Amino acid sequence: MDIPRLSATERLILELLEGEEMFGLQLVEQSKGALKRGTVYVTLGRMQDKGYVESWTEEQPPGAIGLPRRRYRPTAYGLRVLEAWEAAARTLRRQPQLKPAT
């Protein structure tokens, strides 16, 4: 079976979203500097196009100031892709290390 492509940034976002839905700046904060504000929303848009995450706009109470936040959560497909990558990584770690011929 071919595993769909998953960049390191996409993998990190899916791992962070496994526990709870978040908005973009929460992802930046939770990543402890690994994600940047300038790229997180571009990556989330690409992930939504691939079907890895879904999003919706929060409802704001009447009189609220500012734009409503967009919240993200992984789709079942996105979680399956993440699990496939994690399983492949576990398999590779169990492979015996080959020593170069001398």
C-alpha atoms as a PDB file:
ATOM      1  CA  MET A   1       0.000   0.000   0.000  1.00  0.00           C
ATOM      2  CA  ASP A   2       1.284   3.470  -0.857  1.00  0.00           C
ATOM      3  CA  ILE A   3       1.221   5.877   2.052  1.00  0.00           C
ATOM      4  CA  PRO A   4       0.111   9.421   1.122  1.00  0.00           C
ATOM      5  CA  ARG A   5       2.792  12.086   1.467  1.00  0.00           C
ATOM      6  CA  LEU A   6       3.055  13.772   4.839  1.00  0.00           C
ATOM      7  CA  SER A   7       5.596  16.526   5.447  1.00  0.00           C
ATOM      8  CA  ALA A   8       7.246  16.946   8.841  1.00  0.00           C
ATOM      9  CA  THR A   9       5.138  20.076   9.422  1.00  0.00           C
ATOM     10  CA  GLU A  10       1.925  18.259   8.507  1.00  0.00           C
ATOM     11  CA  ARG A  11       2.878  15.376  10.797  1.00  0.00           C
ATOM     12  CA  LEU A  12       3.496  17.769  13.697  1.00  0.00           C
ATOM     13  CA  ILE A  13       0.153  19.510  13.148  1.00  0.00           C
ATOM     14  CA  LEU A  14      -1.722  16.188  13.087  1.00  0.00           C
ATOM     15  CA  GLU A  15       0.066  15.073  16.260  1.00  0.00           C
ATOM     16  CA  LEU A  16      -0.907  18.322  18.016  1.00  0.00           C
ATOM     17  CA  LEU A  17      -4.510  18.067  16.823  1.00  0.00           C
ATOM     18  CA  GLU A  18      -4.853  14.441  17.971  1.00  0.00           C
ATOM     19  CA  GLY A  19      -5.569  15.594  21.510  1.00  0.00           C
ATOM     20  CA  GLU A  20      -7.880  18.532  20.850  1.00  0.00           C
ATOM     21  CA  GLU A  21      -9.148  20.895  18.192  1.00  0.00           C
ATOM     22  CA  MET A  22      -7.199  24.158  18.008  1.00  0.00           C
ATOM     23  CA  PHE A  23      -6.922  27.392  16.101  1.00  0.00           C
ATOM     24  CA  GLY A  24      -3.761  28.333  14.200  1.00  0.00           C
ATOM     25  CA  LEU A  25      -2.049  30.425  16.869  1.00  0.00           C
ATOM     26  CA  GLN A  26      -2.653  27.689  19.452  1.00  0.00           C
ATOM     27  CA  LEU A  27      -0.792  25.295  17.160  1.00  0.00           C
ATOM     28  CA  VAL A  28       2.120  27.754  16.946  1.00  0.00           C
ATOM     29  CA  GLU A  29       2.213  28.066  20.753  1.00  0.00           C
ATOM     30  CA  GLN A  30       1.873  24.323  21.405  1.00  0.00           C
ATOM     31  CA  SER A  31       4.668  23.524  18.929  1.00  0.00           C
ATOM     32  CA  LYS A  32       7.158  25.429  21.124  1.00  0.00           C
ATOM     33  CA  GLY A  33       8.621  27.290  18.159  1.00  0.00           C
ATOM     34  CA  ALA A  34       8.584  24.485  15.588  1.00  0.00           C
ATOM     35  CA  LEU A  35       5.655  26.079  13.717  1.00  0.00           C
ATOM     36  CA  LYS A  36       5.738  29.702  12.577  1.00  0.00           C
ATOM     37  CA  ARG A  37       2.801  32.055  12.182  1.00  0.00           C
ATOM     38  CA  GLY A  38       3.683  32.670   8.545  1.00  0.00           C
ATOM     39  CA  THR A  39       3.472  29.025   7.523  1.00  0.00           C
ATOM     40  CA  VAL A  40       0.913  27.417   9.807  1.00  0.00           C
ATOM     41  CA  TYR A  41      -2.144  28.717   7.942  1.00  0.00           C
ATOM     42  CA  VAL A  42      -0.687  27.884   4.518  1.00  0.00           C
ATOM     43  CA  THR A  43       0.030  24.348   5.730  1.00  0.00           C
ATOM     44  CA  LEU A  44      -3.432  24.013   7.292  1.00  0.00           C
ATOM     45  CA  GLY A  45      -5.021  25.088   3.993  1.00  0.00           C
ATOM     46  CA  ARG A  46      -2.988  22.489   2.093  1.00  0.00           C
ATOM     47  CA  MET A  47      -3.919  19.839   4.668  1.00  0.00           C
ATOM     48  CA  GLN A  48      -7.585  20.723   4.324  1.00  0.00           C
ATOM     49  CA  ASP A  49      -7.302  20.359   0.531  1.00  0.00           C
ATOM     50  CA  LYS A  50      -5.757  16.893   1.050  1.00  0.00           C
ATOM     51  CA  GLY A  51      -8.541  15.913   3.465  1.00  0.00           C
ATOM     52  CA  TYR A  52      -6.247  15.620   6.527  1.00  0.00           C
ATOM     53  CA  VAL A  53      -8.007  18.319   8.591  1.00  0.00           C
ATOM     54  CA  GLU A  54     -11.341  20.080   8.657  1.00  0.00           C
ATOM     55  CA  SER A  55     -12.135  23.548   9.943  1.00  0.00           C
ATOM     56  CA  TRP A  56     -14.963  25.849  10.863  1.00  0.00           C
ATOM     57  CA  THR A  57     -15.339  29.402  12.094  1.00  0.00           C
ATOM     58  CA  GLU A  58     -16.180  29.895  15.750  1.00  0.00           C
ATOM     59  CA  GLU A  59     -19.377  31.706  16.538  1.00  0.00           C
ATOM     60  CA  GLN A  60     -18.807  34.986  18.313  1.00  0.00           C
ATOM     61  CA  PRO A  61     -21.080  36.406  20.953  1.00  0.00           C
ATOM     62  CA  PRO A  62     -22.977  39.566  20.001  1.00  0.00           C
ATOM     63  CA  GLY A  63     -20.786  42.641  20.370  1.00  0.00           C
ATOM     64  CA  ALA A  64     -17.523  40.700  20.195  1.00  0.00           C
ATOM     65  CA  ILE A  65     -14.585  42.612  18.764  1.00  0.00           C
ATOM     66  CA  GLY A  66     -12.258  41.162  16.150  1.00  0.00           C
ATOM     67  CA  LEU A  67     -12.537  38.444  13.578  1.00  0.00           C
ATOM     68  CA  PRO A  68     -13.898  35.027  14.540  1.00  0.00           C
ATOM     69  CA  ARG A  69     -11.262  32.310  14.876  1.00  0.00           C
ATOM     70  CA  ARG A  70     -11.051  29.288  12.602  1.00  0.00           C
ATOM     71  CA  ARG A  71     -10.729  26.011  14.515  1.00  0.00           C
ATOM     72  CA  TYR A  72      -9.130  22.854  13.123  1.00  0.00           C
ATOM     73  CA  ARG A  73      -9.371  19.156  13.879  1.00  0.00           C
ATOM     74  CA  PRO A  74      -7.994  16.076  12.137  1.00  0.00           C
ATOM     75  CA  THR A  75     -10.266  14.026   9.917  1.00  0.00           C
ATOM     76  CA  ALA A  76     -10.469  10.252  10.256  1.00  0.00           C
ATOM     77  CA  TYR A  77      -8.462  10.058   7.021  1.00  0.00           C
ATOM     78  CA  GLY A  78      -5.783  12.389   8.408  1.00  0.00           C
ATOM     79  CA  LEU A  79      -5.445  10.236  11.526  1.00  0.00           C
ATOM     80  CA  ARG A  80      -5.138   7.087   9.378  1.00  0.00           C
ATOM     81  CA  VAL A  81      -2.364   8.708   7.324  1.00  0.00           C
ATOM     82  CA  LEU A  82      -0.553   9.722  10.528  1.00  0.00           C
ATOM     83  CA  GLU A  83      -0.879   6.187  11.918  1.00  0.00           C
ATOM     84  CA  ALA A  84       0.446   4.715   8.660  1.00  0.00           C
ATOM     85  CA  TRP A  85       3.526   6.955   8.870  1.00  0.00           C
ATOM     86  CA  GLU A  86       4.063   6.080  12.536  1.00  0.00           C
ATOM     87  CA  ALA A  87       3.778   2.352  11.753  1.00  0.00           C
ATOM     88  CA  ALA A  88       6.281   2.692   8.897  1.00  0.00           C
ATOM     89  CA  ALA A  89       8.705   4.528  11.202  1.00  0.00           C
ATOM     90  CA  ARG A  90       8.396   1.784  13.841  1.00  0.00           C
ATOM     91  CA  THR A  91       9.129  -0.855  11.203  1.00  0.00           C
ATOM     92  CA  LEU A  92      12.216   1.010  10.010  1.00  0.00           C
ATOM     93  CA  ARG A  93      13.527   1.386  13.571  1.00  0.00           C
ATOM     94  CA  ARG A  94      13.265  -2.393  14.055  1.00  0.00           C
ATOM     95  CA  GLN A  95      15.265  -3.162  10.907  1.00  0.00           C
ATOM     96  CA  PRO A  96      18.788  -4.397  11.620  1.00  0.00           C
ATOM     97  CA  GLN A  97      21.508  -1.891  10.841  1.00  0.00           C
ATOM     98  CA  LEU A  98      23.714  -2.990   7.967  1.00  0.00           C
ATOM     99  CA  LYS A  99      27.418  -2.391   8.370  1.00  0.00           C
ATOM    100  CA  PRO A 100      29.341  -1.107   5.363  1.00  0.00           C
ATOM    101  CA  ALA A 101      31.631  -3.619   3.679  1.00  0.00           C
ATOM    102  CA  THR A 102      35.286  -3.114   4.491  1.00  0.00           C
END
